[in-house]
Structures are given as C-alpha cells and as structure tokens.
C-alpha cells in the first residue's frame, strides 16, 4: 500500500496541463478532452488499485543492462553520416541529412515529478544530457513522466540558449512548455503536418491516453510522429496499444523505412493491453505499417510493469519467428548503442 500512497502523492504534487478548445468536427475531440479512434477497454483508478493489490507480493528484479560504448565527440561533430543512438526507454538520437532529432527525452534518474520517489532508472542513460550534440528538433509523444521529463526538456533548451531546438508537441501541450519558459514549440493535432527544412513532420493517431495528475486525464493529446525526408521515412510510435491506427497510417502516408516501436511495459495484460504493446502487438504494427525495418524501445530502462526485465526481447524473437520475419528487420539495440543507417539508404 505504501507504493499506492506514493503514487497518489506524486500525482497530486504535479502541475496540470490545459487543453485547447476542442473542434467538434473531429471525432477524437470532446468537450471533456480527447479520445482514441477505435473502441477499446478503459481502466481507471479502481482497476489501478486492483492491479497494484494483485502484484503487491510480486518481485520483479531489476538490474542494469549492459551499455554500449558510443563516441559523443563523433556524434557532436557528425552532420553527414546517418545514425541512430538509443539513449534508453523511448529516447533516441536520430542524425539524418544534417538534422539532429531527439525523441521523448527522458534523461533523469526517475520518471517522476520529484527526485525522491517514482519509477527509478536501473539502466544508466546511454548518452548523458551534457554530452548530446546540438539538437535541432525534439518530438514529444505525450505528457506521461517517462516520456515528457521536465528536467530534461528544460536542460536541453537552456544549454542551447543561442540556438534552441524546435519542439514538436501534441495538441494542448504548448501552454505547458510556455509555463516552463520554452517558447520554441509547434503544437499539432492528428494528421496535421509541418515543413521543417527538407522534412515534413506529421502527427499521427496512436491509441493511448494522457495525464500528469488525477484531474487532467486526456486533457492533452497523445500522438505518434512520421518524419518524412526525400530519402528516409521514420515513424516514432511513442506509447501505444494496438489498434487499426497503424493500418490507417500506412494507407494515408505510405510505407515506412524505420519504425521505433515499444515492446515493453505490457503486464498484466488485462490492464495494459489497450495502451501498451507487447512484442506480438509490435510485430503486428510492423506489418501493418509495411515498415522495412523496426527497432524495439520502451523496455529495459524503468520498472513500470510486471513482466521480467529481460523478457521483451525474448518474446520479440519468438513473435518474429512465428511470422517468418528476420531479426535483422526488427532489431534490438543496447542502451547507448549507435548504429549506422546506411543500410536504410540502400533501397
């Protein structure tokens, strides 16, 4: 019960986010907030209590997973080579065509509004925030603490005072960033698009929810992102359960070169199914998107749910085998690992 009291305290001490006036012509807008596109089972605080009670005696051991060595100096200077670095959880550094793009930067010790409680990082940050290269673009999927970390976004913005990054955020979050003194923000609804240099950036629907307090559930939007360059299309799913949204994305925007798909935080299934992939769901989304390649994320960093820490990659391997998909097509990275994306260019 101590953990439940701590969770309630964390939620009560965090600041709320405001929603924009809704657009009644869009089915995912309501007067109370936002909704997903497709019917699914919803769980509230009562079910949260049930899960926590049932898993009270469950011991999920955490251990730091091995870090890959990267070269921060190379990454800092690199403006030509296409690379991807997994910093941990849902945080990637994508370098392509001279642009440095950061996804859902969470580089703190806890996914929490306070430093003394909440889910703690057990695998170290793969690339510390002070060693990041100059970031041009940051994309934010939604406002949960393991995806939108106040300390990380403020530090990234503040250490680039002369050339701050451009933040792309879901509808309703621009006011939250403004409260933190971050004004270089583009706010987007599902299916909106923006041009930035050679890129077209699309906000696309995924199935999830938003909240930073007990009182602001679904008051701001959650989203996935398609980043289109003439030579490369990247999909960042953020946080999501499986739905027909992925087939819709493929139908509307075409096949993807590389998708970053979550594979962890899925147990107990009765509670997590509608909002978090398991590895089978990730493989189905990979297929729906017709993604040439996919990379797993959202595992091995924070203990958020009940599955064993090292289970997601094992289950992903089995899911790929059942579908006859090579592990080269849907791969796993080590924390901190940098890979070349030259293989993407060889279409």
Protein backbone atom coordinates (compact mmCIF):
# COMPACT_ATOMS: atom_id res chain seq x y z
CA UNK A 1 0.00 0.00 0.00
CA UNK A 2 2.97 2.27 0.51
CA UNK A 3 3.53 2.33 -3.26
CA UNK A 4 -0.08 3.38 -3.88
CA UNK A 5 0.20 6.22 -1.39
CA UNK A 6 3.40 7.32 -3.07
CA UNK A 7 1.76 7.22 -6.48
CA UNK A 8 -1.15 9.32 -5.25
CA UNK A 9 1.31 11.82 -3.74
CA UNK A 10 3.27 12.08 -6.99
CA UNK A 11 0.15 12.75 -8.99
CA UNK A 12 -1.15 15.29 -6.52
CA UNK A 13 2.09 17.27 -6.43
CA UNK A 14 2.45 17.63 -10.19
CA UNK A 15 1.16 20.52 -12.27
CA UNK A 16 -1.80 20.06 -14.55
CA UNK A 17 -1.86 20.67 -18.30
CA UNK A 18 -4.54 22.64 -20.10
CA UNK A 19 -6.37 21.62 -23.23
CA UNK A 20 -7.18 23.87 -26.14
CA UNK A 21 -10.82 24.48 -27.12
CA UNK A 22 -12.00 21.37 -28.86
CA UNK A 23 -13.00 21.09 -32.51
CA UNK A 24 -16.45 19.45 -32.67
CA UNK A 25 -15.88 18.48 -36.30
CA UNK A 26 -13.18 15.97 -35.24
CA UNK A 27 -14.29 12.70 -33.67
CA UNK A 28 -11.30 12.45 -31.33
CA UNK A 29 -12.18 15.83 -29.75
CA UNK A 30 -14.78 16.09 -26.98
CA UNK A 31 -15.76 18.87 -24.60
CA UNK A 32 -14.00 16.93 -21.80
CA UNK A 33 -10.79 16.16 -23.67
CA UNK A 34 -9.55 13.73 -26.30
CA UNK A 35 -10.47 10.13 -27.15
CA UNK A 36 -8.96 7.34 -29.21
CA UNK A 37 -10.20 6.48 -32.69
CA UNK A 38 -11.29 2.90 -32.00
CA UNK A 39 -13.31 1.28 -29.20
CA UNK A 40 -11.21 -0.38 -26.51
CA UNK A 41 -11.37 -1.36 -22.87
CA UNK A 42 -10.67 1.51 -20.48
CA UNK A 43 -9.32 1.26 -16.95
CA UNK A 44 -9.47 3.86 -14.21
CA UNK A 45 -8.19 4.29 -10.68
CA UNK A 46 -10.19 1.33 -9.33
CA UNK A 47 -8.51 -1.04 -11.77
CA UNK A 48 -5.15 0.55 -10.96
CA UNK A 49 -5.71 -0.32 -7.30
CA UNK A 50 -6.69 -3.87 -8.29
CA UNK A 51 -3.50 -4.32 -10.32
CA UNK A 52 -1.29 -2.95 -7.55
CA UNK A 53 -3.01 -5.13 -4.95
CA UNK A 54 -2.65 -8.28 -7.08
CA UNK A 55 1.03 -7.58 -7.78
CA UNK A 56 1.84 -6.47 -4.22
CA UNK A 57 3.97 -9.56 -3.46
CA UNK A 58 5.35 -9.90 -7.00
CA UNK A 59 9.09 -9.40 -7.09
CA UNK A 60 10.41 -8.20 -10.42
CA UNK A 61 14.17 -7.96 -10.07
CA UNK A 62 15.85 -5.03 -11.75
CA UNK A 63 19.41 -4.97 -12.95
CA UNK A 64 21.38 -2.61 -15.10
CA UNK A 65 21.65 -3.89 -18.64
CA UNK A 66 24.98 -3.54 -20.44
CA UNK A 67 25.75 -0.20 -22.01
CA UNK A 68 27.29 0.04 -25.46
CA UNK A 69 30.17 2.44 -25.88
CA UNK A 70 29.46 5.34 -28.18
CA UNK A 71 31.53 8.29 -29.30
CA UNK A 72 29.97 11.56 -28.11
CA UNK A 73 32.64 13.61 -29.87
CA UNK A 74 31.81 11.93 -33.18
CA UNK A 75 28.09 12.43 -32.61
CA UNK A 76 28.70 16.08 -31.73
CA UNK A 77 30.57 16.72 -34.98
CA UNK A 78 28.50 14.46 -37.22
CA UNK A 79 26.33 16.24 -39.77
CA UNK A 80 26.75 13.85 -42.69
CA UNK A 81 26.50 10.23 -41.58
CA UNK A 82 23.02 8.82 -40.91
CA UNK A 83 23.00 7.32 -37.40
CA UNK A 84 20.62 6.18 -34.67
CA UNK A 85 21.57 6.10 -30.98
CA UNK A 86 19.33 4.52 -28.36
CA UNK A 87 19.75 6.58 -25.19
CA UNK A 88 17.18 4.50 -23.32
CA UNK A 89 13.43 3.91 -22.93
CA UNK A 90 11.80 5.95 -25.74
CA UNK A 91 14.72 8.35 -26.19
CA UNK A 92 16.59 8.13 -29.48
CA UNK A 93 19.04 10.47 -31.15
CA UNK A 94 18.43 10.34 -34.89
CA UNK A 95 21.00 12.00 -37.14
CA UNK A 96 19.97 12.24 -40.77
CA UNK A 97 20.60 14.72 -43.57
CA UNK A 98 22.29 17.22 -41.26
CA UNK A 99 19.49 17.24 -38.68
CA UNK A 100 19.82 16.05 -35.06
CA UNK A 101 16.44 14.81 -33.80
CA UNK A 102 15.69 13.72 -30.23
CA UNK A 103 12.62 11.67 -29.31
CA UNK A 104 10.83 11.87 -25.92
CA UNK A 105 13.93 12.97 -23.97
CA UNK A 106 13.88 11.30 -20.55
CA UNK A 107 17.41 11.53 -19.14
CA UNK A 108 16.63 11.79 -15.43
CA UNK A 109 17.09 9.21 -12.68
CA UNK A 110 13.34 8.91 -12.15
CA UNK A 111 10.24 9.08 -14.33
CA UNK A 112 8.53 11.27 -11.77
CA UNK A 113 7.77 14.88 -10.82
CA UNK A 114 10.00 14.54 -7.74
CA UNK A 115 13.54 13.25 -7.19
CA UNK A 116 12.85 11.02 -4.17
CA UNK A 117 10.05 8.73 -5.40
CA UNK A 118 8.60 7.20 -8.53
CA UNK A 119 9.99 4.72 -11.10
CA UNK A 120 13.78 4.76 -10.92
CA UNK A 121 16.13 4.21 -13.84
CA UNK A 122 18.04 0.95 -13.40
CA UNK A 123 20.00 1.08 -16.66
CA UNK A 124 22.09 4.26 -16.90
CA UNK A 125 21.49 6.90 -19.55
CA UNK A 126 23.14 5.81 -22.78
CA UNK A 127 24.28 9.34 -23.64
CA UNK A 128 24.27 11.91 -20.82
CA UNK A 129 22.46 15.14 -21.48
CA UNK A 130 25.63 17.25 -21.25
CA UNK A 131 27.23 15.12 -23.99
CA UNK A 132 24.43 15.47 -26.51
CA UNK A 133 25.22 17.16 -29.80
CA UNK A 134 23.39 20.33 -30.73
CA UNK A 135 19.75 19.24 -31.03
CA UNK A 136 17.70 20.72 -33.88
CA UNK A 137 14.34 19.05 -33.30
CA UNK A 138 12.68 17.40 -30.31
CA UNK A 139 9.49 15.39 -30.75
CA UNK A 140 7.22 14.66 -27.79
CA UNK A 141 4.60 11.91 -27.95
CA UNK A 142 2.57 12.69 -24.80
CA UNK A 143 2.80 14.02 -21.28
CA UNK A 144 3.44 10.92 -19.13
CA UNK A 145 6.52 11.30 -16.95
CA UNK A 146 8.51 8.58 -18.69
CA UNK A 147 8.11 10.46 -21.98
CA UNK A 148 7.92 14.15 -21.02
CA UNK A 149 10.53 14.91 -18.37
CA UNK A 150 10.62 18.50 -17.15
CA UNK A 151 14.31 18.48 -16.14
CA UNK A 152 15.40 17.02 -19.47
CA UNK A 153 13.49 19.38 -21.75
CA UNK A 154 14.47 22.45 -19.74
CA UNK A 155 18.14 21.49 -19.64
CA UNK A 156 18.25 20.71 -23.34
CA UNK A 157 16.58 24.02 -24.12
CA UNK A 158 18.67 26.03 -21.66
CA UNK A 159 22.03 24.66 -22.73
CA UNK A 160 21.25 25.75 -26.31
CA UNK A 161 20.22 29.32 -25.50
CA UNK A 162 21.80 30.69 -28.65
CA UNK A 163 20.23 28.04 -30.88
CA UNK A 164 17.40 26.25 -29.06
CA UNK A 165 15.78 23.19 -30.61
CA UNK A 166 12.32 23.27 -32.10
CA UNK A 167 9.87 21.21 -30.04
CA UNK A 168 7.01 19.43 -31.82
CA UNK A 169 4.29 18.51 -29.33
CA UNK A 170 0.71 17.15 -29.34
CA UNK A 171 -2.30 19.44 -29.12
CA UNK A 172 -2.70 21.07 -25.72
CA UNK A 173 0.92 20.90 -24.55
CA UNK A 174 2.20 24.23 -25.88
CA UNK A 175 0.89 26.07 -22.82
CA UNK A 176 2.75 23.65 -20.51
CA UNK A 177 6.01 24.37 -22.33
CA UNK A 178 5.33 28.10 -22.16
CA UNK A 179 4.95 27.78 -18.37
CA UNK A 180 8.48 26.32 -18.32
CA UNK A 181 9.84 29.24 -20.33
CA UNK A 182 10.11 27.23 -23.57
CA UNK A 183 8.52 29.18 -26.41
CA UNK A 184 10.05 27.47 -29.46
CA UNK A 185 7.18 24.99 -29.75
CA UNK A 186 4.97 23.77 -32.60
CA UNK A 187 1.71 22.17 -31.45
CA UNK A 188 -0.04 19.67 -33.73
CA UNK A 189 -3.28 17.71 -33.94
CA UNK A 190 -3.61 14.27 -35.53
CA UNK A 191 -2.97 14.39 -39.28
CA UNK A 192 -1.50 17.89 -39.08
CA UNK A 193 1.77 18.38 -40.92
CA UNK A 194 4.56 20.95 -40.83
CA UNK A 195 7.52 21.58 -43.08
CA UNK A 196 10.95 21.96 -41.49
CA UNK A 197 13.90 22.29 -43.84
CA UNK A 198 13.73 19.24 -46.14
CA UNK A 199 11.44 17.36 -43.77
CA UNK A 200 7.67 17.03 -43.50
CA UNK A 201 6.61 16.24 -39.95
CA UNK A 202 3.26 14.53 -39.41
CA UNK A 203 1.36 13.98 -36.17
CA UNK A 204 -0.50 10.67 -36.44
CA UNK A 205 -3.02 8.87 -34.20
CA UNK A 206 -2.00 6.12 -31.81
CA UNK A 207 -4.03 4.50 -29.04
CA UNK A 208 -3.07 5.75 -25.59
CA UNK A 209 -4.07 8.47 -23.08
CA UNK A 210 -2.56 11.43 -21.27
CA UNK A 211 -2.35 12.58 -17.64
CA UNK A 212 0.08 14.20 -15.22
CA UNK A 213 -2.38 14.49 -12.32
CA UNK A 214 -5.60 12.75 -11.22
CA UNK A 215 -7.56 15.69 -12.69
CA UNK A 216 -6.23 16.14 -16.21
CA UNK A 217 -6.77 12.75 -17.83
CA UNK A 218 -6.94 13.11 -21.64
CA UNK A 219 -6.93 16.91 -21.47
CA UNK A 220 -3.96 16.99 -23.85
CA UNK A 221 -3.43 14.82 -26.90
CA UNK A 222 -1.07 11.87 -27.39
CA UNK A 223 0.46 11.19 -30.78
CA UNK A 224 2.87 9.27 -32.95
CA UNK A 225 5.18 11.01 -35.42
CA UNK A 226 6.07 10.43 -39.04
CA UNK A 227 9.21 12.27 -40.13
CA UNK A 228 9.44 12.33 -43.93
CA UNK A 229 12.60 13.20 -45.81
CA UNK A 230 13.01 12.60 -49.55
CA UNK A 231 15.46 9.80 -48.74
CA UNK A 232 14.03 8.43 -45.49
CA UNK A 233 10.74 7.97 -43.59
CA UNK A 234 10.89 7.46 -39.83
CA UNK A 235 7.97 6.54 -37.56
CA UNK A 236 8.13 7.11 -33.81
CA UNK A 237 5.20 5.44 -32.06
CA UNK A 238 5.75 6.97 -28.62
CA UNK A 239 3.48 4.93 -26.32
CA UNK A 240 0.59 2.91 -27.71
CA UNK A 241 -1.68 -0.07 -27.64
CA UNK A 242 -2.52 -1.97 -30.80
CA UNK A 243 -5.33 -0.64 -32.99
CA UNK A 244 -6.32 -0.10 -36.62
CA UNK A 245 -4.50 3.24 -36.47
CA UNK A 246 -1.35 1.65 -37.90
CA UNK A 247 -3.12 0.39 -40.99
CA UNK A 248 -4.65 3.87 -41.34
CA UNK A 249 -1.20 5.47 -41.12
CA UNK A 250 0.16 3.17 -43.80
CA UNK A 251 -2.80 3.77 -46.07
CA UNK A 252 -2.52 7.53 -45.73
CA UNK A 253 1.25 8.08 -45.65
CA UNK A 254 2.68 5.00 -47.31
CA UNK A 255 5.32 2.53 -46.17
CA UNK A 256 7.93 3.38 -43.54
CA UNK A 257 11.70 2.90 -43.76
CA UNK A 258 12.31 2.64 -39.99
CA UNK A 259 9.81 2.44 -37.13
CA UNK A 260 10.62 2.84 -33.42
CA UNK A 261 8.06 0.60 -31.70
CA UNK A 262 7.56 -0.11 -27.99
CA UNK A 263 7.95 -3.73 -26.90
CA UNK A 264 7.82 -3.48 -23.08
CA UNK A 265 5.59 -2.45 -20.14
CA UNK A 266 2.80 -4.90 -21.02
CA UNK A 267 1.95 -6.97 -17.91
CA UNK A 268 -0.58 -7.61 -16.50
CA UNK A 269 -2.16 -7.95 -19.91
CA UNK A 270 -5.73 -7.35 -18.69
CA UNK A 271 -4.69 -3.87 -17.53
CA UNK A 272 -2.10 -2.87 -20.14
CA UNK A 273 -3.44 -4.33 -23.39
CA UNK A 274 -5.32 -1.27 -24.63
CA UNK A 275 -2.47 1.20 -24.01
CA UNK A 276 0.83 -0.74 -24.30
CA UNK A 277 2.16 -3.10 -26.94
CA UNK A 278 3.52 -6.49 -26.08
CA UNK A 279 6.04 -7.92 -28.58
CA UNK A 280 3.27 -9.66 -30.59
CA UNK A 281 1.47 -6.33 -30.97
CA UNK A 282 4.70 -4.64 -32.04
CA UNK A 283 5.18 -7.22 -34.80
CA UNK A 284 1.60 -6.72 -35.99
CA UNK A 285 2.15 -2.95 -36.12
CA UNK A 286 5.42 -3.52 -38.03
CA UNK A 287 3.43 -5.47 -40.59
CA UNK A 288 0.52 -3.00 -40.73
CA UNK A 289 2.93 -0.13 -41.35
CA UNK A 290 4.80 -2.14 -44.01
CA UNK A 291 7.90 -0.95 -42.24
CA UNK A 292 11.10 -2.00 -43.95
CA UNK A 293 12.83 -2.07 -40.57
CA UNK A 294 11.77 -1.58 -36.97
CA UNK A 295 13.66 -1.10 -33.72
CA UNK A 296 12.36 -2.02 -30.27
CA UNK A 297 12.16 0.54 -27.48
CA UNK A 298 10.34 1.18 -24.17
CA UNK A 299 11.98 -1.68 -22.28
CA UNK A 300 14.97 -2.29 -20.03
CA UNK A 301 15.18 1.22 -18.54
CA UNK A 302 12.48 1.76 -15.90
CA UNK A 303 10.47 -0.81 -13.98
CA UNK A 304 6.94 0.22 -14.90
CA UNK A 305 5.05 -3.07 -15.06
CA UNK A 306 5.16 -6.73 -14.01
CA UNK A 307 6.98 -8.61 -16.78
CA UNK A 308 10.58 -9.77 -16.18
CA UNK A 309 13.10 -7.14 -17.19
CA UNK A 310 14.76 -9.17 -19.96
CA UNK A 311 11.59 -10.80 -21.30
CA UNK A 312 10.58 -8.35 -24.09
CA UNK A 313 13.50 -9.18 -26.46
CA UNK A 314 12.95 -12.92 -25.93
CA UNK A 315 9.26 -12.67 -26.75
CA UNK A 316 10.01 -10.42 -29.72
CA UNK A 317 12.32 -13.09 -31.15
CA UNK A 318 9.57 -15.72 -30.82
CA UNK A 319 6.96 -13.42 -32.37
CA UNK A 320 9.22 -12.71 -35.35
CA UNK A 321 9.91 -16.42 -35.82
CA UNK A 322 6.18 -17.20 -35.85
CA UNK A 323 5.65 -14.59 -38.58
CA UNK A 324 8.73 -15.58 -40.58
CA UNK A 325 10.35 -12.16 -40.15
CA UNK A 326 14.12 -11.85 -39.85
CA UNK A 327 15.52 -10.34 -36.66
CA UNK A 328 17.51 -8.06 -38.95
CA UNK A 329 14.21 -6.49 -39.98
CA UNK A 330 13.02 -5.87 -36.40
CA UNK A 331 16.09 -5.45 -34.25
CA UNK A 332 17.07 -4.60 -30.69
CA UNK A 333 19.78 -2.14 -29.65
CA UNK A 334 21.82 -1.89 -26.48
CA UNK A 335 21.46 1.19 -24.33
CA UNK A 336 23.88 3.79 -25.66
CA UNK A 337 24.46 1.95 -28.92
CA UNK A 338 24.97 3.94 -32.11
CA UNK A 339 24.28 2.25 -35.43
CA UNK A 340 24.81 3.48 -38.96
CA UNK A 341 21.65 3.87 -41.02
CA UNK A 342 23.46 3.43 -44.32
CA UNK A 343 21.51 0.20 -44.85
CA UNK A 344 18.32 2.30 -44.98
CA UNK A 345 19.69 4.23 -47.93
CA UNK A 346 20.17 1.09 -49.98
CA UNK A 347 16.52 0.90 -51.03
